[in-house]
Protein backbone atom coordinates (compact mmCIF):
# COMPACT_ATOMS: atom_id res chain seq x y z
CA MET A 1 190.52 209.65 141.88
CA SER A 2 193.47 211.48 140.06
CA LYS A 3 194.98 209.09 137.43
CA THR A 4 198.67 207.51 138.06
CA ILE A 5 201.60 208.36 135.44
CA LEU A 6 200.89 205.05 134.09
CA ASP A 7 197.28 205.36 133.86
CA LYS A 8 198.31 208.79 131.85
CA GLY A 9 200.16 206.47 129.79
CA LEU A 10 198.49 203.63 129.03
CA ASP A 11 195.50 206.66 128.14
CA TYR A 12 197.90 208.20 125.51
CA VAL A 13 198.46 204.87 123.55
CA LEU A 14 194.29 204.25 123.74
CA GLU A 15 193.90 207.38 121.63
CA ASN A 16 196.45 207.25 119.56
CA GLY A 17 198.03 203.78 118.71
CA THR A 18 197.61 200.92 116.67
CA GLU A 19 194.79 198.46 117.03
CA LEU A 20 197.75 196.46 118.38
CA GLU A 21 198.49 198.87 120.95
CA LYS A 22 195.60 200.05 121.77
CA TRP A 23 194.87 196.04 122.55
CA ASN A 24 198.06 195.75 124.68
CA ALA A 25 196.97 199.05 126.38
CA LYS A 26 194.05 197.23 127.38
CA ARG A 27 195.73 194.14 128.37
CA LEU A 28 197.82 195.98 130.91
CA SER A 29 195.15 197.53 132.24
CA ASN A 30 193.41 194.14 133.15
CA VAL A 31 190.75 194.16 130.51
CA ASN A 32 190.71 190.93 128.67
CA GLU A 33 189.57 191.73 125.13
CA GLU A 34 190.20 189.62 121.78
CA LEU A 35 192.85 190.63 119.26
CA PRO A 36 191.00 193.09 116.84
CA LEU A 37 190.33 191.53 113.68
CA ASN A 38 192.40 193.86 111.46
CA TRP A 39 195.56 193.85 113.66
CA ALA A 40 197.92 191.87 111.10
CA ALA A 41 196.53 194.09 108.12
CA LYS A 42 200.35 195.15 107.14
CA GLN A 43 201.30 191.45 107.00
CA ASN A 44 201.48 190.50 103.26
CA GLN A 45 200.49 186.65 101.92
CA ASP A 46 204.10 185.79 101.74
CA GLY A 47 204.17 186.49 105.80
CA GLY A 48 206.45 189.43 105.47
CA TRP A 49 205.59 192.92 106.43
CA ASN A 50 205.07 196.16 104.94
CA SER A 51 207.17 199.32 106.16
CA LYS A 52 205.31 202.04 107.08
CA GLU A 53 208.27 204.15 106.49
CA PHE A 54 207.50 204.06 102.72
CA LYS A 55 205.35 203.01 100.53
CA SER A 56 206.20 199.41 98.86
CA ALA A 57 203.89 196.59 97.72
CA VAL A 58 207.13 194.33 98.53
CA SER A 59 207.84 192.92 102.36
CA ASN A 60 210.44 194.74 104.15
CA MET A 61 212.81 192.44 105.88
CA GLY A 62 213.52 195.34 108.44
CA THR A 63 209.99 195.97 109.23
CA THR A 64 209.48 192.04 109.38
CA SER A 65 212.46 191.74 111.69
CA VAL A 66 211.18 194.51 114.18
CA THR A 67 207.68 193.23 114.08
CA LEU A 68 208.20 189.43 115.24
CA MET A 69 210.40 190.82 117.52
CA ARG A 70 207.88 193.05 119.08
CA LEU A 71 205.31 190.31 118.39
CA ILE A 72 206.92 187.88 120.74
CA PHE A 73 207.26 190.52 123.11
CA PHE A 74 203.99 190.78 123.21
CA LYS A 75 203.65 187.37 124.02
CA LEU A 76 201.61 186.38 120.76
CA GLN A 77 204.21 183.91 119.43
CA ASP A 78 201.52 181.45 118.88
CA LEU A 79 199.33 182.83 116.25
CA TYR A 80 199.55 181.52 112.88
CA GLU A 81 200.78 185.23 111.63
CA ILE A 82 203.72 184.35 113.65
CA LYS A 83 204.46 181.41 111.78
CA LYS A 84 203.93 182.60 108.48
CA THR A 85 206.42 184.94 109.47
CA VAL A 86 208.71 182.57 110.00
CA ASP A 87 208.62 180.77 107.24
CA PHE A 88 208.87 183.87 105.21
CA LEU A 89 212.17 184.06 107.36
CA TRP A 90 213.43 180.77 106.00
CA SER A 91 212.27 181.29 102.63
CA SER A 92 214.04 184.38 102.25
CA GLN A 93 217.50 183.42 104.43
CA GLN A 94 220.65 183.53 101.97
CA GLU A 95 222.99 180.79 100.82
CA ASP A 96 225.29 182.00 103.55
CA GLY A 97 222.80 182.60 106.76
CA ARG A 98 222.23 186.30 105.58
CA TRP A 99 218.89 187.83 105.47
CA GLY A 100 218.70 191.17 103.35
CA GLU A 101 216.24 193.27 101.74
CA ASN A 102 214.58 192.46 98.15
CA PRO A 103 216.11 194.66 95.77
CA ASP A 104 212.93 195.34 94.14
CA GLN A 105 212.03 198.17 96.83
CA TYR A 106 215.26 200.65 95.03
CA LYS A 107 212.21 201.94 93.33
CA ASP A 108 210.42 202.98 96.04
CA ASP A 109 213.23 204.71 97.83
CA PRO A 110 213.53 203.16 101.01
CA PRO A 111 214.99 204.67 104.15
CA GLU A 112 219.10 204.25 104.07
CA TRP A 113 218.23 201.73 107.06
CA ASN A 114 216.39 199.69 104.76
CA LYS A 115 218.88 200.05 101.98
CA PRO A 116 219.07 196.39 99.56
CA GLY A 117 222.40 195.11 99.09
CA ASP A 118 223.68 197.28 101.78
CA LEU A 119 226.18 195.18 104.16
CA LYS A 120 225.23 197.47 107.60
CA VAL A 121 221.73 196.88 106.68
CA GLU A 122 222.04 192.71 106.22
CA ILE A 123 224.19 192.62 109.46
CA TRP A 124 221.43 193.94 111.71
CA GLU A 125 218.76 192.65 110.34
CA THR A 126 220.37 189.21 110.04
CA ALA A 127 221.30 189.44 114.25
CA ASN A 128 217.60 190.66 114.67
CA ASN A 129 216.13 187.91 113.18
CA LEU A 130 218.14 185.47 114.66
CA ALA A 131 217.87 186.48 118.28
CA SER A 132 213.94 186.03 117.42
CA LEU A 133 213.98 182.54 115.90
CA SER A 134 216.54 181.91 119.05
CA ASN A 135 213.34 182.79 121.12
CA LEU A 136 211.24 180.74 119.39
CA GLY A 137 213.23 177.64 120.05
CA TYR A 138 215.33 177.57 117.17
CA THR A 139 218.88 178.02 119.16
CA LYS A 140 220.28 174.61 117.13
CA ASP A 141 218.99 175.11 113.94
CA SER A 142 221.62 175.00 111.18
CA ARG A 143 220.28 177.93 109.40
CA VAL A 144 220.81 180.00 112.96
CA ILE A 145 223.95 178.63 113.26
CA ARG A 146 224.95 179.39 109.53
CA GLY A 147 223.32 183.38 110.40
CA ILE A 148 225.71 183.04 113.45
CA GLN A 149 228.81 182.70 112.00
CA TRP A 150 227.93 184.86 108.73
CA VAL A 151 227.22 187.86 110.91
CA GLU A 152 230.47 187.32 113.30
CA SER A 153 232.74 187.11 110.11
CA HIS A 154 232.24 190.76 110.03
CA LYS A 155 233.17 192.02 113.03
CA THR A 156 236.13 194.74 113.15
CA ALA A 157 239.19 194.28 114.20
CA SER A 158 238.16 195.91 117.66
CA GLY A 159 235.31 193.16 117.98
CA GLN A 160 232.72 195.34 117.09
CA PHE A 161 229.94 195.69 113.95
CA PRO A 162 230.40 197.84 110.99
CA GLY A 163 226.96 200.41 110.93
CA TYR A 164 224.30 200.01 113.10
CA ILE A 165 224.03 199.49 116.92
CA HIS A 166 221.22 197.37 116.99
CA ALA A 167 223.33 194.11 116.12
CA THR A 168 225.34 194.34 118.95
CA HIS A 169 222.40 194.15 121.04
CA ALA A 170 220.97 191.44 119.13
CA MET A 171 224.24 189.09 119.17
CA ALA A 172 224.07 189.27 123.06
CA ALA A 173 220.53 188.21 122.69
CA VAL A 174 221.21 185.36 120.68
CA LYS A 175 224.47 184.54 122.76
CA PHE A 176 222.85 184.34 125.93
CA SER A 177 219.93 182.09 124.01
CA GLN A 178 223.01 179.89 122.88
CA LYS A 179 224.02 179.64 126.60
CA ASP A 180 227.60 181.20 125.70
CA TYR A 181 227.79 183.88 128.15
CA LYS A 182 231.10 184.63 127.73
CA SER A 183 230.39 186.05 124.20
CA SER A 184 227.11 187.78 125.14
CA GLU A 185 229.01 189.77 127.93
CA ARG A 186 231.12 191.00 125.65
CA TYR A 187 228.05 192.06 123.68
CA MET A 188 226.40 193.67 126.36
CA GLU A 189 229.51 195.52 127.27
CA GLN A 190 229.70 196.97 123.88
CA SER A 191 225.79 197.95 124.20
CA TYR A 192 226.88 199.90 127.75
CA GLN A 193 229.75 201.63 126.04
CA PHE A 194 227.45 202.86 123.49
CA LEU A 195 224.93 203.63 125.67
CA HIS A 196 227.80 206.23 127.79
CA GLN A 197 228.91 207.53 124.69
CA THR A 198 225.65 208.68 123.11
CA LYS A 199 222.57 209.08 125.66
CA TYR A 200 223.54 213.18 125.50
CA LYS A 201 223.30 213.08 121.33
CA ASP A 202 220.54 214.94 120.12
CA TRP A 203 219.70 211.90 117.77
CA PHE A 204 219.32 209.93 120.97
CA ASP A 205 215.89 208.25 121.07
CA VAL A 206 214.15 206.26 123.42
CA MET A 207 213.96 203.74 120.49
CA ASP A 208 217.58 203.30 121.22
CA LEU A 209 216.07 201.96 124.81
CA THR A 210 213.36 199.97 124.43
CA TRP A 211 214.65 198.07 121.34
CA PRO A 212 217.72 196.17 123.14
CA LEU A 213 215.25 196.25 126.21
CA ILE A 214 213.07 193.98 124.35
CA LEU A 215 215.75 192.08 122.40
CA TRP A 216 217.04 191.23 126.06
CA SER A 217 214.05 190.60 127.32
CA ASN A 218 212.75 188.20 125.33
CA ALA A 219 216.16 186.08 125.59
CA GLN A 220 215.35 186.17 129.38
CA ILE A 221 218.41 188.29 130.66
CA SER A 222 218.11 189.18 133.77
CA PRO A 223 216.75 192.97 134.80
CA LYS A 224 219.68 192.77 137.62
CA HIS A 225 222.28 192.56 135.04
CA PRO A 226 224.25 195.97 135.15
CA VAL A 227 223.66 196.49 131.50
CA VAL A 228 220.04 195.85 131.70
CA ASN A 229 220.13 197.95 134.55
CA SER A 230 221.42 201.14 133.20
CA TYR A 231 219.56 201.01 130.22
CA PHE A 232 216.22 200.59 132.53
CA SER A 233 217.74 203.99 134.64
CA GLU A 234 217.91 205.87 131.14
CA LEU A 235 214.67 204.61 129.79
CA ILE A 236 212.69 205.78 133.46
CA SER A 237 214.34 209.22 133.14
CA LYS A 238 212.69 209.64 129.50
CA ARG A 239 209.25 209.56 130.83
CA SER A 240 207.68 212.81 130.70
CA GLU A 241 205.37 213.92 133.67
CA ASP A 242 201.85 212.82 131.63
CA GLY A 243 203.27 209.39 131.27
CA ILE A 244 204.53 209.36 128.09
CA TRP A 245 207.87 208.43 125.97
CA LYS A 246 208.08 210.85 123.34
CA SER A 247 210.71 210.53 120.17
CA ILE A 248 212.11 212.38 117.69
CA TYR A 249 210.55 210.05 115.06
CA PRO A 250 207.00 211.14 113.78
CA ASN A 251 204.40 209.39 115.42
CA CYS A 252 205.97 207.07 117.08
CA ASP A 253 205.05 208.34 120.77
CA ALA A 254 202.28 205.64 121.50
CA GLN A 255 204.99 202.76 120.06
CA TYR A 256 207.33 203.60 122.25
CA THR A 257 204.77 204.31 125.19
CA ILE A 258 203.57 201.03 125.25
CA GLU A 259 206.96 199.21 124.66
CA ALA A 260 208.33 201.37 127.89
CA ILE A 261 205.18 200.60 130.30
CA SER A 262 205.41 196.79 129.25
CA LEU A 263 208.74 196.60 129.66
CA LEU A 264 208.32 197.88 133.10
CA GLN A 265 205.46 195.78 133.86
CA ASN A 266 207.06 192.64 132.59
CA TYR A 267 210.15 193.17 134.47
CA LYS A 268 208.05 194.17 137.37
CA ILE A 269 210.09 197.59 137.68
């Protein structure tokens, strides 16, 4: 029997993914298997996670934020490792509500999206953390409310955030979780404008599709929402004939392939 395009994508992840990605590929293939013992090897004792983009013993806030988002997406939120990650977030949140990178990472030359002390970095990391904490039931927690107020205090006169679009995607999810649907819609509209202004750019990547879709999936925003639907349409168009979503970022094809397949399965598209 010839393999479907879905089978080909899952096979690619099984051959090239991380242990966690391979586990999820098996799960999507209806193979029940325990999590691999070393799946959390990059988690530090403090509960944060190490970056794969540069070598540092210090927990990286950006990696921690995205890892928590992905683990919730993979429905692993009840694990002890998730509790450790949440404890790390609470212990590292600053008094004004923000999160940012540990300045000890300067010596390790982090990429610009993880630069300590950079406001643009702090905005996206804070917004992304708020989305995950909201998914975990902390919508009314005073620490989350303080973080939301800090993020929104940095909107420009046009109502947008300086720096990375990921903050906008995340705040759409945060506001939806808060049942502030009017504010969520404003952010969703900005995400829609971003998609249609940038999808033909050379730097536009599958990551720019899976990341917001994971945030919105975790927040349970309907796939029938026109913005979600637009992102899904673009995601489907990016799949290659061999079932793989190819990225401009090195060694990320398996990650984005399993994320894309999981999204399509979760939303039954």
